[in-house]
Amino acid sequence: MSLRNQLKGVGVALVTPFQKNTEVDYDALSGVIDFVIEGGVDYLVTLGTTAETPTLSSEEKKAIINFTCEKVNNKIPVVVGMGSNNTRELIEDLQTYPLEKAVAVLSAGPYYSRPSQEGLYQHYKAIAKASPRPVILYNVPSRTGRNINASTVIRLSKEEENIIGIKEAGGDFAQCMQILRDAPGEFLVVSGDDALAFPQIACGMQGVISVAANAFPQAFCSMIDACLDDDFALAKTFNDSLIDAYEIMFSENNPAGVKAFMAEMGLLKNVTRLPVTTLSDEGIERVKKYLKK
């Protein structure tokens, strides 16, 4: 099966559960992995932004990769988040991290540095040549400070065989449709925004890497499956039920919102690492009200 087909549907950007002392809670992580797989997700993404990766040490990141791959045991594919604004350091990490069991790496645009489009192109070109696994671009300008323009994405998709797709979270539908029109047919294009995944799949995207699927895998996967089957009336019923959850999840911070939902559901402790703080009392009341409904 091609990677495009393996990574079609719902990937879940896994949270990193913490104990009360903020150490990684591997028992809870094991339970979350079971929960989302049973809920129907098609693949896992570990060490994405939702995993609070900027607050994890290199040793913790390597341990989480190993734990996740061993826990999954080839039941579904695993993608590993590998991004940095230091191209040289990222190349070293790609060559030293335990990526043997991963099917691909997901690499967010360099944050804070705000490189030109040529800088972005050269950054990803260097990563593609160094990476032992296929690379999925991740465009999330709200976090990185720089949009990866459609022209840059198309250029990379046609020139670098090791760049096989993009997670698009820029929210620009015109840009999305240009990528879908001009990228090679085998190039994977998935949504990076839960609230926009429904219409973006209608435009031609092949799926989504989701935050909400940590807490609501069954409902969210049912919505995406219906979209991919062109049953948008059914998909709308699922999506309508999740719209308020999306809003609450991202009202203050990600992953503070989704962790609050998961804590109320008994999946993990409601603990984050600074600078991320847990959801406010008002936010938690909204979580409780939604879950009761």
C-alpha atoms as a PDB file:
ATOM      1  CA  MET A   1       0.000   0.000   0.000  1.00  0.00           C
ATOM      2  CA  SER A   2       1.321   3.460  -0.890  1.00  0.00           C
ATOM      3  CA  LEU A   3       2.017   5.970   1.864  1.00  0.00           C
ATOM      4  CA  ARG A   4      -0.705   8.196   0.419  1.00  0.00           C
ATOM      5  CA  ASN A   5      -3.221   5.426   1.067  1.00  0.00           C
ATOM      6  CA  GLN A   6      -1.738   4.488   4.462  1.00  0.00           C
ATOM      7  CA  LEU A   7      -2.065   8.078   5.660  1.00  0.00           C
ATOM      8  CA  LYS A   8      -5.526   8.729   4.263  1.00  0.00           C
ATOM      9  CA  GLY A   9      -8.287   9.406   6.776  1.00  0.00           C
ATOM     10  CA  VAL A  10      -7.647  10.389  10.383  1.00  0.00           C
ATOM     11  CA  GLY A  11      -4.263  10.773  11.979  1.00  0.00           C
ATOM     12  CA  VAL A  12      -4.326  11.831  15.621  1.00  0.00           C
ATOM     13  CA  ALA A  13      -1.790  14.344  16.952  1.00  0.00           C
ATOM     14  CA  LEU A  14      -1.212  12.593  20.256  1.00  0.00           C
ATOM     15  CA  VAL A  15      -1.044  14.542  23.494  1.00  0.00           C
ATOM     16  CA  THR A  16       1.724  13.784  25.994  1.00  0.00           C
ATOM     17  CA  PRO A  17       0.124  12.860  29.330  1.00  0.00           C
ATOM     18  CA  PHE A  18       2.004  14.043  32.419  1.00  0.00           C
ATOM     19  CA  GLN A  19       1.953  12.952  36.027  1.00  0.00           C
ATOM     20  CA  LYS A  20       1.266  15.545  38.739  1.00  0.00           C
ATOM     21  CA  ASN A  21       5.022  16.204  38.983  1.00  0.00           C
ATOM     22  CA  THR A  22       4.992  16.853  35.176  1.00  0.00           C
ATOM     23  CA  GLU A  23       7.017  13.733  34.333  1.00  0.00           C
ATOM     24  CA  VAL A  24       5.755  11.792  31.316  1.00  0.00           C
ATOM     25  CA  ASP A  25       2.903   9.462  32.300  1.00  0.00           C
ATOM     26  CA  TYR A  26       3.524   6.371  30.193  1.00  0.00           C
ATOM     27  CA  ASP A  27       0.618   4.423  31.721  1.00  0.00           C
ATOM     28  CA  ALA A  28      -1.780   7.147  30.604  1.00  0.00           C
ATOM     29  CA  LEU A  29      -0.103   7.362  27.194  1.00  0.00           C
ATOM     30  CA  SER A  30      -0.635   3.627  26.761  1.00  0.00           C
ATOM     31  CA  GLY A  31      -4.320   4.056  27.584  1.00  0.00           C
ATOM     32  CA  VAL A  32      -4.715   6.987  25.199  1.00  0.00           C
ATOM     33  CA  ILE A  33      -3.125   4.993  22.369  1.00  0.00           C
ATOM     34  CA  ASP A  34      -5.550   2.106  23.011  1.00  0.00           C
ATOM     35  CA  PHE A  35      -8.475   4.544  23.164  1.00  0.00           C
ATOM     36  CA  VAL A  36      -7.785   6.256  19.842  1.00  0.00           C
ATOM     37  CA  ILE A  37      -6.986   3.018  18.001  1.00  0.00           C
ATOM     38  CA  GLU A  38     -10.217   1.458  19.278  1.00  0.00           C
ATOM     39  CA  GLY A  39     -11.973   4.667  18.228  1.00  0.00           C
ATOM     40  CA  GLY A  40     -10.946   4.086  14.626  1.00  0.00           C
ATOM     41  CA  VAL A  41      -8.050   6.417  13.853  1.00  0.00           C
ATOM     42  CA  ASP A  42      -5.988   5.413  10.839  1.00  0.00           C
ATOM     43  CA  TYR A  43      -2.565   6.452  12.132  1.00  0.00           C
ATOM     44  CA  LEU A  44      -0.785   8.190  15.016  1.00  0.00           C
ATOM     45  CA  VAL A  45       1.356  11.318  14.970  1.00  0.00           C
ATOM     46  CA  THR A  46       3.659  11.489  17.970  1.00  0.00           C
ATOM     47  CA  LEU A  47       5.704  14.555  18.990  1.00  0.00           C
ATOM     48  CA  GLY A  48       3.563  17.085  17.157  1.00  0.00           C
ATOM     49  CA  THR A  49       2.820  20.500  18.635  1.00  0.00           C
ATOM     50  CA  THR A  50      -0.122  18.988  20.548  1.00  0.00           C
ATOM     51  CA  ALA A  51       2.414  16.794  22.373  1.00  0.00           C
ATOM     52  CA  GLU A  52       3.971  19.912  23.987  1.00  0.00           C
ATOM     53  CA  THR A  53       7.142  18.880  22.184  1.00  0.00           C
ATOM     54  CA  PRO A  54       9.012  22.180  22.769  1.00  0.00           C
ATOM     55  CA  THR A  55       8.976  21.349  26.491  1.00  0.00           C
ATOM     56  CA  LEU A  56      10.319  17.794  26.077  1.00  0.00           C
ATOM     57  CA  SER A  57      14.014  16.931  26.343  1.00  0.00           C
ATOM     58  CA  SER A  58      15.773  14.968  23.599  1.00  0.00           C
ATOM     59  CA  GLU A  59      15.867  11.938  25.892  1.00  0.00           C
ATOM     60  CA  GLU A  60      12.127  12.179  26.542  1.00  0.00           C
ATOM     61  CA  LYS A  61      11.371  12.543  22.823  1.00  0.00           C
ATOM     62  CA  LYS A  62      13.389   9.435  21.957  1.00  0.00           C
ATOM     63  CA  ALA A  63      11.739   7.486  24.788  1.00  0.00           C
ATOM     64  CA  ILE A  64       8.247   8.528  23.635  1.00  0.00           C
ATOM     65  CA  ILE A  65       9.000   7.477  20.041  1.00  0.00           C
ATOM     66  CA  ASN A  66      10.234   4.072  21.206  1.00  0.00           C
ATOM     67  CA  PHE A  67       7.330   3.583  23.620  1.00  0.00           C
ATOM     68  CA  THR A  68       4.704   4.575  21.041  1.00  0.00           C
ATOM     69  CA  CYS A  69       6.099   2.348  18.291  1.00  0.00           C
ATOM     70  CA  GLU A  70       6.405  -0.631  20.646  1.00  0.00           C
ATOM     71  CA  LYS A  71       2.900  -0.075  21.998  1.00  0.00           C
ATOM     72  CA  VAL A  72       1.351   0.231  18.534  1.00  0.00           C
ATOM     73  CA  ASN A  73       3.292  -2.828  17.329  1.00  0.00           C
ATOM     74  CA  ASN A  74       2.505  -2.174  13.643  1.00  0.00           C
ATOM     75  CA  LYS A  75      -1.280  -2.153  14.185  1.00  0.00           C
ATOM     76  CA  ILE A  76      -1.450   1.224  12.444  1.00  0.00           C
ATOM     77  CA  PRO A  77       1.238   3.538  11.018  1.00  0.00           C
ATOM     78  CA  VAL A  78       3.169   5.969  13.218  1.00  0.00           C
ATOM     79  CA  VAL A  79       4.386   9.386  12.013  1.00  0.00           C
ATOM     80  CA  VAL A  80       6.948  11.313  14.096  1.00  0.00           C
ATOM     81  CA  GLY A  81       7.008  15.090  14.403  1.00  0.00           C
ATOM     82  CA  MET A  82      10.498  16.418  13.662  1.00  0.00           C
ATOM     83  CA  GLY A  83      10.784  20.185  13.268  1.00  0.00           C
ATOM     84  CA  SER A  84      13.178  22.987  14.201  1.00  0.00           C
ATOM     85  CA  ASN A  85      14.293  26.438  13.157  1.00  0.00           C
ATOM     86  CA  ASN A  86      17.877  25.165  13.271  1.00  0.00           C
ATOM     87  CA  THR A  87      18.286  23.228  10.019  1.00  0.00           C
ATOM     88  CA  ARG A  88      21.667  21.759  10.933  1.00  0.00           C
ATOM     89  CA  GLU A  89      20.446  20.506  14.313  1.00  0.00           C
ATOM     90  CA  LEU A  90      17.319  19.020  12.754  1.00  0.00           C
ATOM     91  CA  ILE A  91      19.419  17.104  10.230  1.00  0.00           C
ATOM     92  CA  GLU A  92      21.446  15.653  13.110  1.00  0.00           C
ATOM     93  CA  ASP A  93      18.254  14.663  14.945  1.00  0.00           C
ATOM     94  CA  LEU A  94      16.854  12.972  11.848  1.00  0.00           C
ATOM     95  CA  GLN A  95      19.966  10.835  11.709  1.00  0.00           C
ATOM     96  CA  THR A  96      20.090   9.967  15.426  1.00  0.00           C
ATOM     97  CA  TYR A  97      16.465   9.643  16.581  1.00  0.00           C
ATOM     98  CA  PRO A  98      14.854   6.149  16.567  1.00  0.00           C
ATOM     99  CA  LEU A  99      12.809   6.468  13.387  1.00  0.00           C
ATOM    100  CA  GLU A 100      13.183   2.901  12.119  1.00  0.00           C
ATOM    101  CA  LYS A 101       9.544   1.998  12.838  1.00  0.00           C
ATOM    102  CA  ALA A 102       8.030   5.300  11.689  1.00  0.00           C
ATOM    103  CA  VAL A 103       6.502   5.508   8.214  1.00  0.00           C
ATOM    104  CA  ALA A 104       7.192   9.241   7.833  1.00  0.00           C
ATOM    105  CA  VAL A 105       8.199  12.415   9.642  1.00  0.00           C
ATOM    106  CA  LEU A 106       6.052  15.535   9.933  1.00  0.00           C
ATOM    107  CA  SER A 107       8.113  18.712   9.873  1.00  0.00           C
ATOM    108  CA  ALA A 108       6.651  22.101  10.778  1.00  0.00           C
ATOM    109  CA  GLY A 109       7.998  25.215   9.124  1.00  0.00           C
ATOM    110  CA  PRO A 110      10.874  26.890  10.978  1.00  0.00           C
ATOM    111  CA  TYR A 111       9.380  29.017  13.747  1.00  0.00           C
ATOM    112  CA  TYR A 112      10.425  32.540  14.820  1.00  0.00           C
ATOM    113  CA  SER A 113      13.163  32.923  12.175  1.00  0.00           C
ATOM    114  CA  ARG A 114      10.558  33.856   9.521  1.00  0.00           C
ATOM    115  CA  PRO A 115      12.699  32.823   6.531  1.00  0.00           C
ATOM    116  CA  SER A 116      11.922  33.853   2.952  1.00  0.00           C
ATOM    117  CA  GLN A 117      10.225  31.388   0.599  1.00  0.00           C
ATOM    118  CA  GLU A 118      13.669  30.539  -0.756  1.00  0.00           C
ATOM    119  CA  GLY A 119      14.846  29.910   2.811  1.00  0.00           C
ATOM    120  CA  LEU A 120      11.888  27.593   3.407  1.00  0.00           C
ATOM    121  CA  TYR A 121      12.602  25.796   0.147  1.00  0.00           C
ATOM    122  CA  GLN A 122      16.282  25.288   1.005  1.00  0.00           C
ATOM    123  CA  HIS A 123      15.414  24.202   4.584  1.00  0.00           C
ATOM    124  CA  TYR A 124      13.048  21.487   3.382  1.00  0.00           C
ATOM    125  CA  LYS A 125      15.337  20.471   0.532  1.00  0.00           C
ATOM    126  CA  ALA A 126      18.136  19.837   3.069  1.00  0.00           C
ATOM    127  CA  ILE A 127      15.752  17.914   5.352  1.00  0.00           C
ATOM    128  CA  ALA A 128      14.459  15.768   2.483  1.00  0.00           C
ATOM    129  CA  LYS A 129      17.974  14.749   1.499  1.00  0.00           C
ATOM    130  CA  ALA A 130      18.949  13.914   5.107  1.00  0.00           C
ATOM    131  CA  SER A 131      15.798  12.194   6.347  1.00  0.00           C
ATOM    132  CA  PRO A 132      15.740   8.388   6.516  1.00  0.00           C
ATOM    133  CA  ARG A 133      11.938   8.551   6.263  1.00  0.00           C
ATOM    134  CA  PRO A 134       9.602  10.363   3.847  1.00  0.00           C
ATOM    135  CA  VAL A 135       8.831  13.940   4.872  1.00  0.00           C
ATOM    136  CA  ILE A 136       5.407  15.560   5.265  1.00  0.00           C
ATOM    137  CA  LEU A 137       5.493  19.359   5.256  1.00  0.00           C
ATOM    138  CA  TYR A 138       3.511  21.113   7.988  1.00  0.00           C
ATOM    139  CA  ASN A 139       2.271  24.604   7.233  1.00  0.00           C
ATOM    140  CA  VAL A 140       1.035  26.313  10.401  1.00  0.00           C
ATOM    141  CA  PRO A 141       1.797  30.025  10.070  1.00  0.00           C
ATOM    142  CA  SER A 142      -0.149  30.970  13.208  1.00  0.00           C
ATOM    143  CA  ARG A 143       2.574  29.186  15.193  1.00  0.00           C
ATOM    144  CA  THR A 144       5.644  29.633  13.014  1.00  0.00           C
ATOM    145  CA  GLY A 145       5.169  33.205  11.815  1.00  0.00           C
ATOM    146  CA  ARG A 146       5.633  32.343   8.137  1.00  0.00           C
ATOM    147  CA  ASN A 147       3.310  30.816   5.551  1.00  0.00           C
ATOM    148  CA  ILE A 148       4.729  28.189   3.202  1.00  0.00           C
ATOM    149  CA  ASN A 149       3.297  29.543  -0.053  1.00  0.00           C
ATOM    150  CA  ALA A 150       1.560  27.224  -2.493  1.00  0.00           C
ATOM    151  CA  SER A 151       4.283  27.883  -5.067  1.00  0.00           C
ATOM    152  CA  THR A 152       6.943  26.674  -2.597  1.00  0.00           C
ATOM    153  CA  VAL A 153       4.912  23.571  -1.761  1.00  0.00           C
ATOM    154  CA  ILE A 154       4.438  22.753  -5.453  1.00  0.00           C
ATOM    155  CA  ARG A 155       8.133  23.292  -6.142  1.00  0.00           C
ATOM    156  CA  LEU A 156       9.135  20.918  -3.354  1.00  0.00           C
ATOM    157  CA  SER A 157       6.476  18.338  -4.288  1.00  0.00           C
ATOM    158  CA  LYS A 158       7.832  18.122  -7.840  1.00  0.00           C
ATOM    159  CA  GLU A 159      11.569  18.301  -7.109  1.00  0.00           C
ATOM    160  CA  GLU A 160      12.013  16.198  -3.948  1.00  0.00           C
ATOM    161  CA  GLU A 161      10.871  12.583  -4.083  1.00  0.00           C
ATOM    162  CA  ASN A 162      11.291  12.261  -0.311  1.00  0.00           C
ATOM    163  CA  ILE A 163       8.681  14.978   0.320  1.00  0.00           C
ATOM    164  CA  ILE A 164       5.412  13.109   0.015  1.00  0.00           C
ATOM    165  CA  GLY A 165       2.727  15.417   1.397  1.00  0.00           C
ATOM    166  CA  ILE A 166       1.616  18.381   3.463  1.00  0.00           C
ATOM    167  CA  LYS A 167      -0.437  18.999   6.565  1.00  0.00           C
ATOM    168  CA  GLU A 168      -2.056  22.328   5.684  1.00  0.00           C
ATOM    169  CA  ALA A 169      -3.169  24.452   8.655  1.00  0.00           C
ATOM    170  CA  GLY A 170      -2.979  27.927   7.159  1.00  0.00           C
ATOM    171  CA  GLY A 171      -6.745  28.290   6.811  1.00  0.00           C
ATOM    172  CA  ASP A 172      -6.441  29.738   3.293  1.00  0.00           C
ATOM    173  CA  PHE A 173      -8.836  27.803   1.057  1.00  0.00           C
ATOM    174  CA  ALA A 174      -7.501  29.392  -2.121  1.00  0.00           C
ATOM    175  CA  GLN A 175      -4.007  28.179  -1.252  1.00  0.00           C
ATOM    176  CA  CYS A 176      -5.341  24.706  -0.418  1.00  0.00           C
ATOM    177  CA  MET A 177      -7.126  24.424  -3.737  1.00  0.00           C
ATOM    178  CA  GLN A 178      -4.055  25.588  -5.650  1.00  0.00           C
ATOM    179  CA  ILE A 179      -1.952  22.867  -3.975  1.00  0.00           C
ATOM    180  CA  LEU A 180      -4.628  20.260  -4.695  1.00  0.00           C
ATOM    181  CA  ARG A 181      -4.734  21.338  -8.334  1.00  0.00           C
ATOM    182  CA  ASP A 182      -1.008  21.624  -9.044  1.00  0.00           C
ATOM    183  CA  ALA A 183       0.761  19.044  -6.859  1.00  0.00           C
ATOM    184  CA  PRO A 184       1.541  15.596  -8.308  1.00  0.00           C
ATOM    185  CA  GLY A 185      -1.334  13.142  -8.085  1.00  0.00           C
ATOM    186  CA  GLU A 186       0.367  10.977  -5.451  1.00  0.00           C
ATOM    187  CA  PHE A 187       1.106  13.976  -3.180  1.00  0.00           C
ATOM    188  CA  LEU A 188      -0.754  13.675   0.150  1.00  0.00           C
ATOM    189  CA  VAL A 189      -2.700  16.773   1.221  1.00  0.00           C
ATOM    190  CA  VAL A 190      -4.369  16.638   4.635  1.00  0.00           C
ATOM    191  CA  SER A 191      -6.029  19.218   6.837  1.00  0.00           C
ATOM    192  CA  GLY A 192      -4.401  20.462  10.023  1.00  0.00           C
ATOM    193  CA  ASP A 193      -7.537  22.115  11.362  1.00  0.00           C
ATOM    194  CA  ASP A 194     -10.358  20.080  12.914  1.00  0.00           C
ATOM    195  CA  ALA A 195     -12.952  22.808  12.391  1.00  0.00           C
ATOM    196  CA  LEU A 196     -12.145  23.092   8.660  1.00  0.00           C
ATOM    197  CA  ALA A 197     -11.576  19.420   7.835  1.00  0.00           C
ATOM    198  CA  PHE A 198     -15.135  18.832   6.607  1.00  0.00           C
ATOM    199  CA  PRO A 199     -15.076  21.511   3.851  1.00  0.00           C
ATOM    200  CA  GLN A 200     -11.405  20.906   3.056  1.00  0.00           C
ATOM    201  CA  ILE A 201     -12.074  17.236   2.294  1.00  0.00           C
ATOM    202  CA  ALA A 202     -14.947  18.407   0.098  1.00  0.00           C
ATOM    203  CA  CYS A 203     -12.294  20.403  -1.805  1.00  0.00           C
ATOM    204  CA  GLY A 204     -10.230  17.244  -2.315  1.00  0.00           C
ATOM    205  CA  MET A 205      -8.017  16.715   0.729  1.00  0.00           C
ATOM    206  CA  GLN A 206      -7.406  13.099   1.718  1.00  0.00           C
ATOM    207  CA  GLY A 207      -7.910  13.435   5.470  1.00  0.00           C
ATOM    208  CA  VAL A 208      -6.808  15.307   8.573  1.00  0.00           C
ATOM    209  CA  ILE A 209      -4.278  15.194  11.387  1.00  0.00           C
ATOM    210  CA  SER A 210      -6.571  15.886  14.303  1.00  0.00           C
ATOM    211  CA  VAL A 211      -6.428  17.183  17.863  1.00  0.00           C
ATOM    212  CA  ALA A 212     -10.087  16.428  18.589  1.00  0.00           C
ATOM    213  CA  ALA A 213      -9.575  12.719  17.809  1.00  0.00           C
ATOM    214  CA  ASN A 214      -7.660  12.415  21.102  1.00  0.00           C
ATOM    215  CA  ALA A 215     -10.941  12.918  22.951  1.00  0.00           C
ATOM    216  CA  PHE A 216     -13.626  11.992  20.402  1.00  0.00           C
ATOM    217  CA  PRO A 217     -12.054   9.453  18.028  1.00  0.00           C
ATOM    218  CA  GLN A 218     -15.225   7.565  17.177  1.00  0.00           C
ATOM    219  CA  ALA A 219     -17.388  10.575  16.289  1.00  0.00           C
ATOM    220  CA  PHE A 220     -14.568  12.389  14.516  1.00  0.00           C
ATOM    221  CA  CYS A 221     -13.526   9.333  12.490  1.00  0.00           C
ATOM    222  CA  SER A 222     -17.159   8.701  11.544  1.00  0.00           C
ATOM    223  CA  MET A 223     -17.366  12.276  10.246  1.00  0.00           C
ATOM    224  CA  ILE A 224     -14.186  11.993   8.175  1.00  0.00           C
ATOM    225  CA  ASP A 225     -15.108   8.544   6.847  1.00  0.00           C
ATOM    226  CA  ALA A 226     -18.466   9.908   5.686  1.00  0.00           C
ATOM    227  CA  CYS A 227     -16.705  12.834   3.979  1.00  0.00           C
ATOM    228  CA  LEU A 228     -14.346  10.488   2.159  1.00  0.00           C
ATOM    229  CA  ASP A 229     -17.366   8.424   1.061  1.00  0.00           C
ATOM    230  CA  ASP A 230     -18.948  11.621  -0.343  1.00  0.00           C
ATOM    231  CA  ASP A 231     -21.809  11.320   2.163  1.00  0.00           C
ATOM    232  CA  PHE A 232     -21.659  14.928   3.291  1.00  0.00           C
ATOM    233  CA  ALA A 233     -25.180  14.910   4.749  1.00  0.00           C
ATOM    234  CA  LEU A 234     -24.139  12.198   7.232  1.00  0.00           C
ATOM    235  CA  ALA A 235     -20.783  13.894   7.825  1.00  0.00           C
ATOM    236  CA  LYS A 236     -22.594  17.123   8.703  1.00  0.00           C
ATOM    237  CA  THR A 237     -24.557  15.458  11.495  1.00  0.00           C
ATOM    238  CA  PHE A 238     -21.325  14.318  13.159  1.00  0.00           C
ATOM    239  CA  ASN A 239     -19.540  17.604  12.506  1.00  0.00           C
ATOM    240  CA  ASP A 240     -22.451  19.646  13.866  1.00  0.00           C
ATOM    241  CA  SER A 241     -22.216  17.736  17.151  1.00  0.00           C
ATOM    242  CA  LEU A 242     -18.479  18.511  17.413  1.00  0.00           C
ATOM    243  CA  ILE A 243     -18.455  22.219  16.474  1.00  0.00           C
ATOM    244  CA  ASP A 244     -18.818  23.407  20.083  1.00  0.00           C
ATOM    245  CA  ALA A 245     -16.076  21.005  21.202  1.00  0.00           C
ATOM    246  CA  TYR A 246     -13.681  22.409  18.592  1.00  0.00           C
ATOM    247  CA  GLU A 247     -14.348  25.940  19.838  1.00  0.00           C
ATOM    248  CA  ILE A 248     -13.793  25.017  23.490  1.00  0.00           C
ATOM    249  CA  MET A 249     -10.633  23.035  22.698  1.00  0.00           C
ATOM    250  CA  PHE A 250      -8.913  25.954  21.015  1.00  0.00           C
ATOM    251  CA  SER A 251     -10.430  28.797  23.045  1.00  0.00           C
ATOM    252  CA  GLU A 252      -7.344  29.268  25.248  1.00  0.00           C
ATOM    253  CA  ASN A 253      -4.543  27.014  24.125  1.00  0.00           C
ATOM    254  CA  ASN A 254      -3.796  23.701  22.474  1.00  0.00           C
ATOM    255  CA  PRO A 255      -3.400  21.191  24.132  1.00  0.00           C
ATOM    256  CA  ALA A 256      -4.886  22.763  27.292  1.00  0.00           C
ATOM    257  CA  GLY A 257      -8.387  22.403  25.846  1.00  0.00           C
ATOM    258  CA  VAL A 258      -8.203  18.811  24.677  1.00  0.00           C
ATOM    259  CA  LYS A 259      -6.399  17.752  27.864  1.00  0.00           C
ATOM    260  CA  ALA A 260      -9.274  19.231  29.908  1.00  0.00           C
ATOM    261  CA  PHE A 261     -11.747  17.090  27.955  1.00  0.00           C
ATOM    262  CA  MET A 262      -9.573  14.000  28.337  1.00  0.00           C
ATOM    263  CA  ALA A 263      -9.119  14.573  32.073  1.00  0.00           C
ATOM    264  CA  GLU A 264     -12.881  14.811  32.567  1.00  0.00           C
ATOM    265  CA  MET A 265     -13.178  11.550  30.628  1.00  0.00           C
ATOM    266  CA  GLY A 266     -10.630   9.847  32.901  1.00  0.00           C
ATOM    267  CA  LEU A 267      -7.989   9.363  30.209  1.00  0.00           C
ATOM    268  CA  LEU A 268      -5.208  11.381  31.856  1.00  0.00           C
ATOM    269  CA  LYS A 269      -4.409  13.933  34.561  1.00  0.00           C
ATOM    270  CA  ASN A 270      -5.078  17.553  33.668  1.00  0.00           C
ATOM    271  CA  VAL A 271      -1.407  18.560  33.731  1.00  0.00           C
ATOM    272  CA  THR A 272       0.565  20.668  31.252  1.00  0.00           C
ATOM    273  CA  ARG A 273       4.123  21.973  31.229  1.00  0.00           C
ATOM    274  CA  LEU A 274       4.896  25.676  31.318  1.00  0.00           C
ATOM    275  CA  PRO A 275       4.562  27.909  29.431  1.00  0.00           C
ATOM    276  CA  VAL A 276       1.263  26.143  28.696  1.00  0.00           C
ATOM    277  CA  THR A 277      -1.185  26.400  31.582  1.00  0.00           C
ATOM    278  CA  THR A 278      -4.269  24.260  32.102  1.00  0.00           C
ATOM    279  CA  LEU A 279      -7.691  25.432  30.994  1.00  0.00           C
ATOM    280  CA  SER A 280      -9.319  28.106  33.172  1.00  0.00           C
ATOM    281  CA  ASP A 281     -12.107  27.239  35.613  1.00  0.00           C
ATOM    282  CA  GLU A 282     -14.576  28.855  33.222  1.00  0.00           C
ATOM    283  CA  GLY A 283     -13.243  26.710  30.382  1.00  0.00           C
ATOM    284  CA  ILE A 284     -13.514  23.541  32.456  1.00  0.00           C
ATOM    285  CA  GLU A 285     -17.134  24.350  33.248  1.00  0.00           C
ATOM    286  CA  ARG A 286     -17.780  24.619  29.507  1.00  0.00           C
ATOM    287  CA  VAL A 287     -16.084  21.215  29.021  1.00  0.00           C
ATOM    288  CA  LYS A 288     -18.283  19.648  31.692  1.00  0.00           C
ATOM    289  CA  LYS A 289     -21.448  21.162  30.223  1.00  0.00           C
ATOM    290  CA  TYR A 290     -20.555  19.905  26.736  1.00  0.00           C
ATOM    291  CA  LEU A 291     -19.840  16.381  27.972  1.00  0.00           C
ATOM    292  CA  LYS A 292     -23.131  16.270  29.895  1.00  0.00           C
ATOM    293  CA  LYS A 293     -24.964  17.341  26.752  1.00  0.00           C
END
